[in-house]
Amino acid sequence: MSKRLKTTDSNFTSQFDDLVSAKREADSDVSDSVKQIISDVKERGDEAVIQYTRQFDRFEISGNNLRVSINDIEKAEESCDSETVRALKHAAERIRDFHSRQLPDNLDYVDSKGIRLGYRWTPLGAAGLYVPGGTAAYPSSVLMNAIPAMVAGVKRVVMVVPATEGVINPYVLAAAKISGVQEIYRIGGAQAVAALAFGTESIKAVDKIVGPGNIYVATAKQQVFGVVGIDMIAGPSEILVVADDKNDPNWIAADLLSQAEHDASAQSILITNSSAFADSVEAALLQQLFELPRKETAEASWSTHGTIIIVDNFDDAVPLIDRLAPEHLELAVEEADEFAGKINNAGAIFVGRFTPEAVGDYLAGPNHVLPTARSARFSSGLGVLDFMKRSSIVSCDENSLNDIGSDIITLANAEGLDAHARSVGIRMKPKS
């Protein structure tokens, strides 16, 4: 059974504080092990990557077959169900269309002093995409990570994916082909992150690494940050559904389970203004639970982290939502558009009764790589700008430098930076 909280209970504040601060992943200090792997790959390159791949992924590999051949990519797509490939292509088309609308404009103008100011956006030179393997092989995530990079104009997009016992999910390779990724390596774990960050004999270093992974991958991304950029450190998935009693409880139950089936550490929360409706949803959820192939995972998630919050009215829900800052927020209520406008903190908002979160996972167009663990308070989902950088542009002529130069000299002298002041003053006309 899930936890149930009521805003009218005297201990609600402390219970809600506990919910907000609860950790859903067991502490696992792997930093020393990851540091050693990174150092080893940095020192020995391919040799270390091959050693760790043999050890962790249990298959024989050499420098000659680190990279997946174009022929293997073609064969993988041919082995896939044609209807699934068609759906992947449909999703790719919609993701590409949405992300193409994110491309930013440059800025270039001359101000009242005659100084040219602005900025220009340029794509990263190379991006590395980490794709999980094994049971967590999601071709939809390949599309979501690769297509924004392609739209941004990144010249080199590299994918790494662990090949447990030598096998890569063919749909992952098909998604890579559909996205336009051709440089793919059959490696994973901290060793793959290190190879992307520092380069080896076979793999050139990249400028930024994106994509989810296990605790070793997440820790490796943290440790190489600064040498390369990273997108975020992704935690377990989460969904918060706000629903009134005009919904079919079976629909809401299915939405809650859509995240619970991801991971035993995932979290599903329902906020409603009706205790009777909450009872109906939970009954429907328990019924559906036993029909799921991933029943054990979903059951562990719901029983450990599932929560139902009863509010007097939905205005009371707004500050609760903003504190939780959920990765996914569904609004299955009357006037859902108006409600959405009140929310500040959410990775993605799904508005209306006919917009389950799964629409965003696959085919809507916006990215499904979203901030978790309350980080939607200060960060956003993956997008085109994550694969671009902005350079400021400043250009003075003789007259404009003379116009503002004395104030620059004053400020530089105030900071004790004489050479700064001199570099301006030496160019200025003497005052007559």
Protein backbone atom coordinates (compact mmCIF):
# COMPACT_ATOMS: atom_id res chain seq x y z
CA MET A 1 0.00 0.00 0.00
CA SER A 2 1.09 3.56 -0.69
CA LYS A 3 1.50 6.31 1.86
CA ARG A 4 -1.49 8.63 2.26
CA LEU A 5 -1.30 12.24 3.44
CA LYS A 6 -4.06 14.79 4.05
CA THR A 7 -3.44 18.51 4.15
CA THR A 8 -5.98 18.78 6.98
CA ASP A 9 -4.02 16.43 9.27
CA SER A 10 -2.16 18.12 12.11
CA ASN A 11 1.09 16.38 11.17
CA PHE A 12 0.80 17.01 7.41
CA THR A 13 3.66 19.54 7.29
CA SER A 14 6.17 17.17 8.86
CA GLN A 15 4.94 14.26 6.73
CA PHE A 16 5.24 16.32 3.55
CA ASP A 17 8.71 17.51 4.57
CA ASP A 18 9.72 13.86 4.93
CA LEU A 19 8.34 13.12 1.45
CA VAL A 20 10.25 16.01 -0.10
CA SER A 21 13.54 15.10 1.56
CA ALA A 22 13.32 11.31 1.17
CA LYS A 23 16.15 9.64 -0.74
CA ARG A 24 15.03 6.98 -3.17
CA GLU A 25 18.40 5.45 -3.95
CA ALA A 26 20.61 3.67 -1.48
CA ASP A 27 23.90 5.43 -0.82
CA SER A 28 26.62 3.72 -2.76
CA ASP A 29 30.09 5.23 -2.62
CA VAL A 30 31.75 4.08 -5.79
CA SER A 31 33.81 7.24 -6.25
CA ASP A 32 37.17 5.60 -5.52
CA SER A 33 36.51 2.74 -7.95
CA VAL A 34 35.38 5.16 -10.64
CA LYS A 35 38.38 7.42 -10.05
CA GLN A 36 40.67 4.44 -10.58
CA ILE A 37 38.92 3.41 -13.80
CA ILE A 38 39.10 6.96 -15.18
CA SER A 39 42.77 7.27 -14.28
CA ASP A 40 43.51 3.91 -15.87
CA VAL A 41 41.73 4.79 -19.13
CA LYS A 42 43.45 8.17 -19.22
CA GLU A 43 46.81 6.44 -18.79
CA ARG A 44 46.41 3.29 -20.91
CA GLY A 45 43.68 4.22 -23.41
CA ASP A 46 42.27 1.37 -25.48
CA GLU A 47 44.09 -1.25 -23.43
CA ALA A 48 42.23 -0.24 -20.27
CA VAL A 49 38.87 0.13 -22.03
CA ILE A 50 39.24 -3.37 -23.50
CA GLN A 51 40.22 -4.84 -20.12
CA TYR A 52 37.20 -3.35 -18.32
CA THR A 53 34.85 -4.30 -21.13
CA ARG A 54 35.98 -7.91 -20.96
CA GLN A 55 35.61 -7.85 -17.17
CA PHE A 56 32.22 -6.15 -16.85
CA ASP A 57 30.43 -6.96 -20.10
CA ARG A 58 31.78 -10.49 -20.42
CA PHE A 59 32.76 -10.68 -24.06
CA GLU A 60 35.97 -10.75 -26.04
CA ILE A 61 36.83 -7.43 -27.64
CA SER A 62 39.85 -5.82 -29.25
CA GLY A 63 40.78 -2.45 -30.67
CA ASN A 64 39.58 -3.67 -34.06
CA ASN A 65 35.99 -4.26 -33.00
CA LEU A 66 35.39 -1.50 -30.45
CA ARG A 67 33.46 0.37 -33.12
CA VAL A 68 30.21 -0.95 -34.51
CA SER A 69 30.49 -1.21 -38.27
CA ILE A 70 28.06 0.43 -40.68
CA ASN A 71 27.24 -3.06 -41.89
CA ASP A 72 26.29 -4.14 -38.35
CA ILE A 73 24.06 -1.09 -38.01
CA GLU A 74 22.31 -1.92 -41.29
CA LYS A 75 21.83 -5.55 -40.27
CA ALA A 76 20.40 -4.49 -36.91
CA GLU A 77 17.72 -2.39 -38.56
CA GLU A 78 16.86 -5.22 -40.96
CA SER A 79 16.34 -7.56 -37.98
CA CYS A 80 13.84 -5.18 -36.33
CA ASP A 81 10.08 -5.37 -36.63
CA SER A 82 9.09 -3.05 -39.49
CA GLU A 83 6.17 -1.55 -37.59
CA THR A 84 8.45 -0.57 -34.70
CA VAL A 85 10.97 0.98 -37.10
CA ARG A 86 8.12 2.93 -38.73
CA ALA A 87 7.04 4.21 -35.30
CA LEU A 88 10.63 5.19 -34.46
CA LYS A 89 10.83 7.15 -37.72
CA HIS A 90 7.53 8.87 -36.93
CA ALA A 91 8.83 9.80 -33.47
CA ALA A 92 12.12 11.04 -34.93
CA GLU A 93 10.25 13.28 -37.37
CA ARG A 94 8.24 14.89 -34.58
CA ILE A 95 11.24 15.25 -32.24
CA ARG A 96 13.28 16.85 -35.03
CA ASP A 97 10.47 19.26 -35.92
CA PHE A 98 10.00 20.40 -32.31
CA HIS A 99 13.71 20.82 -31.61
CA SER A 100 14.34 22.71 -34.85
CA ARG A 101 12.10 25.44 -33.40
CA GLN A 102 14.53 25.85 -30.50
CA LEU A 103 17.38 27.13 -32.66
CA PRO A 104 18.32 30.54 -31.24
CA ASP A 105 18.86 33.80 -33.11
CA ASN A 106 22.14 35.68 -32.99
CA LEU A 107 22.23 39.27 -31.70
CA ASP A 108 24.15 42.09 -33.39
CA TYR A 109 23.57 45.83 -32.89
CA VAL A 110 25.38 49.16 -32.41
CA ASP A 111 24.53 51.05 -29.23
CA SER A 112 24.25 54.79 -28.66
CA LYS A 113 28.02 55.06 -28.01
CA GLY A 114 28.81 53.51 -31.39
CA ILE A 115 29.96 50.20 -29.88
CA ARG A 116 29.01 47.05 -31.72
CA LEU A 117 27.59 44.46 -29.31
CA GLY A 118 25.98 41.06 -29.61
CA TYR A 119 26.49 37.36 -29.44
CA ARG A 120 26.51 34.40 -31.77
CA TRP A 121 25.59 30.79 -31.19
CA THR A 122 27.79 27.96 -32.45
CA PRO A 123 27.41 24.18 -32.07
CA LEU A 124 29.72 22.04 -30.01
CA GLY A 125 32.43 20.31 -31.98
CA ALA A 126 31.69 16.83 -30.64
CA ALA A 127 29.08 15.28 -28.35
CA GLY A 128 29.11 11.86 -26.70
CA LEU A 129 25.85 10.04 -26.08
CA TYR A 130 25.76 7.41 -23.35
CA VAL A 131 23.06 4.80 -23.98
CA PRO A 132 22.34 2.20 -21.28
CA GLY A 133 22.36 -1.46 -22.31
CA GLY A 134 20.77 -4.61 -20.96
CA THR A 135 17.21 -4.36 -19.63
CA ALA A 136 17.42 -0.54 -19.76
CA ALA A 137 17.79 -0.36 -23.54
CA TYR A 138 15.49 2.41 -24.71
CA PRO A 139 15.66 3.33 -28.42
CA SER A 140 13.38 6.31 -27.74
CA SER A 141 16.15 7.78 -25.56
CA VAL A 142 18.59 7.48 -28.44
CA LEU A 143 16.30 9.72 -30.49
CA MET A 144 15.87 12.18 -27.63
CA ASN A 145 19.62 12.54 -27.05
CA ALA A 146 20.89 12.39 -30.63
CA ILE A 147 18.39 14.49 -32.56
CA PRO A 148 18.85 17.75 -30.60
CA ALA A 149 22.61 17.43 -31.16
CA MET A 150 22.04 16.94 -34.88
CA VAL A 151 19.63 19.87 -35.06
CA ALA A 152 22.16 22.05 -33.22
CA GLY A 153 24.70 21.25 -35.93
CA VAL A 154 27.19 19.26 -33.83
CA LYS A 155 29.76 18.05 -36.34
CA ARG A 156 30.58 14.77 -34.60
CA VAL A 157 28.03 12.79 -32.58
CA VAL A 158 29.40 9.65 -30.92
CA MET A 159 27.40 6.96 -29.17
CA VAL A 160 28.63 4.43 -26.61
CA VAL A 161 26.47 1.52 -25.55
CA PRO A 162 27.48 -1.52 -23.47
CA ALA A 163 27.21 -4.81 -25.32
CA THR A 164 26.55 -7.29 -22.52
CA GLU A 165 27.99 -10.61 -23.70
CA GLY A 166 28.58 -8.92 -27.05
CA VAL A 167 24.93 -8.11 -27.81
CA ILE A 168 23.53 -4.64 -28.51
CA ASN A 169 19.77 -4.18 -28.69
CA PRO A 170 19.05 -3.91 -32.44
CA TYR A 171 16.40 -1.23 -31.89
CA VAL A 172 19.03 0.97 -30.23
CA LEU A 173 21.18 0.68 -33.36
CA ALA A 174 18.15 1.28 -35.58
CA ALA A 175 17.32 4.44 -33.60
CA ALA A 176 20.92 5.60 -33.97
CA LYS A 177 20.74 5.17 -37.73
CA ILE A 178 17.42 7.01 -37.91
CA SER A 179 18.95 9.85 -35.87
CA GLY A 180 21.99 10.05 -38.13
CA VAL A 181 24.57 8.66 -35.67
CA GLN A 182 27.22 6.55 -37.40
CA GLU A 183 30.08 6.52 -34.88
CA ILE A 184 29.08 3.93 -32.28
CA TYR A 185 31.26 2.01 -29.83
CA ARG A 186 30.30 -1.18 -27.98
CA ILE A 187 31.52 -0.03 -24.58
CA GLY A 188 29.79 1.16 -21.42
CA GLY A 189 30.33 2.00 -17.76
CA ALA A 190 32.78 4.46 -16.27
CA GLN A 191 35.39 3.34 -18.81
CA ALA A 192 33.21 4.58 -21.68
CA VAL A 193 32.71 7.96 -20.00
CA ALA A 194 36.47 8.25 -19.47
CA ALA A 195 37.16 7.33 -23.11
CA LEU A 196 34.77 10.04 -24.30
CA ALA A 197 36.25 12.62 -21.94
CA PHE A 198 39.96 11.99 -22.50
CA GLY A 199 40.11 10.05 -25.75
CA THR A 200 41.97 6.84 -26.56
CA GLU A 201 43.80 5.53 -29.60
CA SER A 202 40.47 4.50 -31.16
CA ILE A 203 38.09 7.10 -29.75
CA LYS A 204 38.62 10.84 -30.06
CA ALA A 205 37.59 12.94 -27.07
CA VAL A 206 34.31 14.86 -27.15
CA ASP A 207 33.26 18.23 -25.72
CA LYS A 208 30.15 17.14 -23.83
CA ILE A 209 28.67 13.86 -22.56
CA VAL A 210 24.92 13.35 -22.23
CA GLY A 211 22.67 10.43 -21.40
CA PRO A 212 21.63 8.35 -18.36
CA GLY A 213 23.40 5.42 -16.76
CA ASN A 214 23.92 3.52 -13.52
CA ILE A 215 25.69 4.84 -10.43
CA TYR A 216 29.11 4.19 -11.99
CA VAL A 217 28.20 6.18 -15.09
CA ALA A 218 26.66 9.02 -13.07
CA THR A 219 29.72 9.21 -10.82
CA ALA A 220 32.06 9.14 -13.80
CA LYS A 221 30.17 12.02 -15.40
CA GLN A 222 30.54 14.01 -12.18
CA GLN A 223 34.27 13.32 -12.05
CA VAL A 224 35.01 14.31 -15.65
CA PHE A 225 32.89 17.47 -15.51
CA GLY A 226 35.16 20.41 -16.19
CA VAL A 227 37.23 18.42 -18.67
CA VAL A 228 34.01 18.05 -20.65
CA GLY A 229 30.48 19.34 -20.16
CA ILE A 230 27.67 17.08 -18.99
CA ASP A 231 23.90 17.35 -19.25
CA MET A 232 22.74 16.35 -15.77
CA ILE A 233 22.92 13.57 -13.20
CA ALA A 234 19.69 11.67 -13.71
CA GLY A 235 17.97 10.01 -10.76
CA PRO A 236 15.06 7.56 -10.64
CA SER A 237 11.99 8.52 -12.67
CA GLU A 238 9.01 10.24 -11.06
CA ILE A 239 5.46 11.33 -11.87
CA LEU A 240 2.99 13.53 -10.04
CA VAL A 241 -0.63 13.28 -11.21
CA VAL A 242 -3.17 15.90 -10.14
CA ALA A 243 -6.65 14.46 -10.77
CA ASP A 244 -10.23 15.18 -9.77
CA ASP A 245 -13.02 12.63 -9.43
CA LYS A 246 -14.30 13.29 -12.95
CA ASN A 247 -11.54 11.02 -14.27
CA ASP A 248 -11.80 7.30 -14.90
CA PRO A 249 -9.76 5.85 -12.00
CA ASN A 250 -8.37 3.18 -14.34
CA TRP A 251 -6.77 5.90 -16.46
CA ILE A 252 -5.06 7.54 -13.51
CA ALA A 253 -3.93 4.18 -12.12
CA ALA A 254 -2.30 3.35 -15.46
CA ASP A 255 -0.53 6.73 -15.46
CA LEU A 256 0.90 6.13 -11.99
CA LEU A 257 2.12 2.68 -12.99
CA SER A 258 3.74 4.06 -16.15
CA GLN A 259 6.61 5.34 -14.01
CA ALA A 260 6.51 2.71 -11.29
CA GLU A 261 7.37 0.03 -13.85
CA HIS A 262 10.65 1.79 -14.72
CA ASP A 263 12.50 1.13 -11.49
CA ALA A 264 11.88 0.03 -7.91
CA SER A 265 13.25 3.46 -6.92
CA ALA A 266 10.82 5.36 -9.17
CA GLN A 267 8.10 7.41 -7.51
CA SER A 268 4.43 7.94 -8.38
CA ILE A 269 2.37 10.53 -6.51
CA LEU A 270 -1.33 11.32 -6.82
CA ILE A 271 -2.83 14.59 -5.60
CA THR A 272 -6.64 14.64 -5.52
CA ASN A 273 -9.43 16.41 -3.68
CA SER A 274 -11.49 13.25 -3.13
CA SER A 275 -10.71 10.43 -0.70
CA ALA A 276 -13.27 8.21 -2.44
CA PHE A 277 -11.59 8.79 -5.80
CA ALA A 278 -8.19 8.04 -4.23
CA ASP A 279 -9.59 4.71 -2.99
CA SER A 280 -10.88 3.90 -6.51
CA VAL A 281 -7.54 4.74 -8.10
CA GLU A 282 -5.58 2.60 -5.68
CA ALA A 283 -7.95 -0.33 -6.17
CA ALA A 284 -7.60 -0.01 -9.95
CA LEU A 285 -3.83 0.27 -9.63
CA LEU A 286 -3.55 -2.91 -7.59
CA GLN A 287 -5.72 -4.72 -10.13
CA GLN A 288 -3.61 -3.53 -13.08
CA LEU A 289 -0.38 -4.22 -11.22
CA PHE A 290 -0.85 -7.97 -11.39
CA GLU A 291 -1.29 -7.80 -15.16
CA LEU A 292 2.08 -6.12 -15.77
CA PRO A 293 5.10 -8.09 -17.03
CA ARG A 294 7.21 -5.81 -14.79
CA LYS A 295 4.92 -6.45 -11.83
CA GLU A 296 7.67 -6.94 -9.24
CA THR A 297 9.41 -3.69 -10.13
CA ALA A 298 6.18 -1.67 -10.20
CA GLU A 299 4.94 -3.20 -6.95
CA ALA A 300 8.21 -2.39 -5.18
CA SER A 301 8.06 1.18 -6.43
CA TRP A 302 4.44 1.77 -5.44
CA SER A 303 4.63 0.08 -2.04
CA THR A 304 7.86 1.87 -1.08
CA HIS A 305 7.55 5.28 -2.71
CA GLY A 306 3.96 5.62 -3.93
CA THR A 307 2.05 8.43 -2.23
CA ILE A 308 -1.49 9.83 -2.31
CA ILE A 309 -2.11 13.37 -1.07
CA ILE A 310 -5.66 14.56 -0.34
CA VAL A 311 -6.19 18.32 -0.58
CA ASP A 312 -9.26 20.40 0.28
CA ASN A 313 -9.00 22.26 -3.03
CA PHE A 314 -6.54 22.29 -5.88
CA ASP A 315 -5.20 25.75 -5.07
CA ASP A 316 -3.64 24.05 -2.03
CA ALA A 317 -1.80 21.73 -4.43
CA VAL A 318 0.20 24.46 -6.19
CA PRO A 319 2.83 25.08 -3.48
CA LEU A 320 3.11 21.32 -2.89
CA ILE A 321 3.84 20.74 -6.58
CA ASP A 322 6.43 23.51 -6.68
CA ARG A 323 8.23 22.05 -3.67
CA LEU A 324 8.26 18.56 -5.17
CA ALA A 325 9.36 19.97 -8.57
CA PRO A 326 8.43 16.72 -10.34
CA GLU A 327 10.08 15.36 -13.44
CA HIS A 328 6.63 14.67 -14.96
CA LEU A 329 3.46 16.51 -13.96
CA GLU A 330 0.04 15.47 -15.23
CA LEU A 331 -2.92 17.80 -14.78
CA ALA A 332 -6.15 15.82 -15.22
CA VAL A 333 -8.49 18.48 -13.85
CA GLU A 334 -11.02 21.07 -15.01
CA GLU A 335 -9.38 24.23 -16.41
CA ALA A 336 -6.08 22.38 -16.74
CA ASP A 337 -4.54 25.14 -18.88
CA GLU A 338 -5.19 27.73 -16.19
CA PHE A 339 -3.79 25.38 -13.56
CA ALA A 340 -0.63 24.82 -15.59
CA GLY A 341 0.01 28.56 -15.63
CA LYS A 342 0.33 28.55 -11.83
CA ILE A 343 3.16 25.98 -11.77
CA ASN A 344 6.79 27.12 -11.66
CA ASN A 345 8.69 23.89 -11.05
CA ALA A 346 8.21 20.86 -13.29
CA GLY A 347 10.32 19.14 -15.91
CA ALA A 348 7.36 18.59 -18.26
CA ILE A 349 3.67 19.39 -17.82
CA PHE A 350 1.02 17.21 -19.46
CA VAL A 351 -2.19 19.21 -19.69
CA GLY A 352 -5.65 17.65 -19.77
CA ARG A 353 -7.27 14.27 -19.30
CA PHE A 354 -6.17 12.92 -22.69
CA THR A 355 -2.46 13.65 -22.27
CA PRO A 356 -0.82 10.78 -20.38
CA GLU A 357 2.89 11.15 -19.68
CA ALA A 358 3.70 8.38 -22.17
CA VAL A 359 2.79 10.77 -25.00
CA GLY A 360 5.86 12.78 -24.03
CA ASP A 361 8.06 9.72 -23.65
CA TYR A 362 7.67 8.75 -27.27
CA LEU A 363 5.94 10.90 -29.82
CA ALA A 364 4.94 14.41 -28.72
CA GLY A 365 8.23 16.07 -29.70
CA PRO A 366 9.61 17.79 -26.57
CA ASN A 367 12.50 15.97 -24.95
CA HIS A 368 11.91 13.24 -22.41
CA VAL A 369 15.34 13.68 -20.83
CA LEU A 370 14.17 15.73 -17.84
CA PRO A 371 15.44 16.93 -14.46
CA THR A 372 14.72 14.58 -11.54
CA ALA A 373 15.09 14.67 -7.75
CA ARG A 374 13.63 18.20 -7.45
CA SER A 375 16.22 19.65 -9.84
CA ALA A 376 13.39 21.08 -11.97
CA ARG A 377 13.66 23.98 -9.50
CA PHE A 378 16.78 25.13 -11.34
CA SER A 379 17.20 23.13 -14.55
CA SER A 380 15.36 22.14 -17.70
CA GLY A 381 14.97 19.18 -19.99
CA LEU A 382 17.54 18.41 -22.67
CA GLY A 383 17.31 20.57 -25.76
CA VAL A 384 19.16 22.10 -28.69
CA LEU A 385 20.84 24.77 -26.53
CA ASP A 386 22.56 22.01 -24.54
CA PHE A 387 24.59 21.32 -27.67
CA MET A 388 25.41 24.95 -28.43
CA LYS A 389 27.47 27.70 -26.85
CA ARG A 390 27.22 31.49 -27.00
CA SER A 391 30.11 33.86 -27.69
CA SER A 392 29.79 37.56 -26.93
CA ILE A 393 30.81 40.08 -29.58
CA VAL A 394 32.24 43.53 -28.71
CA SER A 395 33.75 45.98 -31.20
CA CYS A 396 34.84 49.58 -30.50
CA ASP A 397 36.21 52.12 -32.92
CA GLU A 398 38.50 54.96 -31.92
CA ASN A 399 35.67 57.34 -31.08
CA SER A 400 33.63 54.90 -29.00
CA LEU A 401 36.68 53.75 -27.02
CA ASN A 402 37.50 57.37 -26.25
CA ASP A 403 33.90 57.90 -25.15
CA ILE A 404 33.86 55.11 -22.52
CA GLY A 405 37.59 54.68 -21.85
CA SER A 406 37.93 56.99 -18.85
CA ASP A 407 35.33 55.05 -16.87
CA ILE A 408 37.05 51.76 -17.73
CA ILE A 409 40.35 53.18 -16.46
CA THR A 410 38.66 54.41 -13.26
CA LEU A 411 37.19 50.94 -12.56
CA ALA A 412 40.42 49.10 -13.42
CA ASN A 413 42.44 51.37 -11.11
CA ALA A 414 39.87 50.84 -8.34
CA GLU A 415 40.54 47.09 -8.62
CA GLY A 416 44.30 47.56 -8.68
CA LEU A 417 44.64 46.23 -12.24
CA ASP A 418 47.02 48.74 -13.78
CA ALA A 419 47.68 46.81 -16.98
CA HIS A 420 43.93 46.72 -17.66
CA ALA A 421 43.81 50.48 -17.36
CA ARG A 422 46.93 50.95 -19.47
CA SER A 423 45.60 48.73 -22.29
CA VAL A 424 42.72 51.18 -22.72
CA GLY A 425 44.52 54.45 -21.97
CA ILE A 426 47.33 53.73 -24.41
CA ARG A 427 44.79 53.70 -27.24
CA MET A 428 42.96 56.89 -26.26
CA LYS A 429 43.56 60.31 -27.74
CA PRO A 430 45.09 62.76 -25.26
CA LYS A 431 42.51 65.25 -24.03
CA SER A 432 43.12 68.65 -25.57
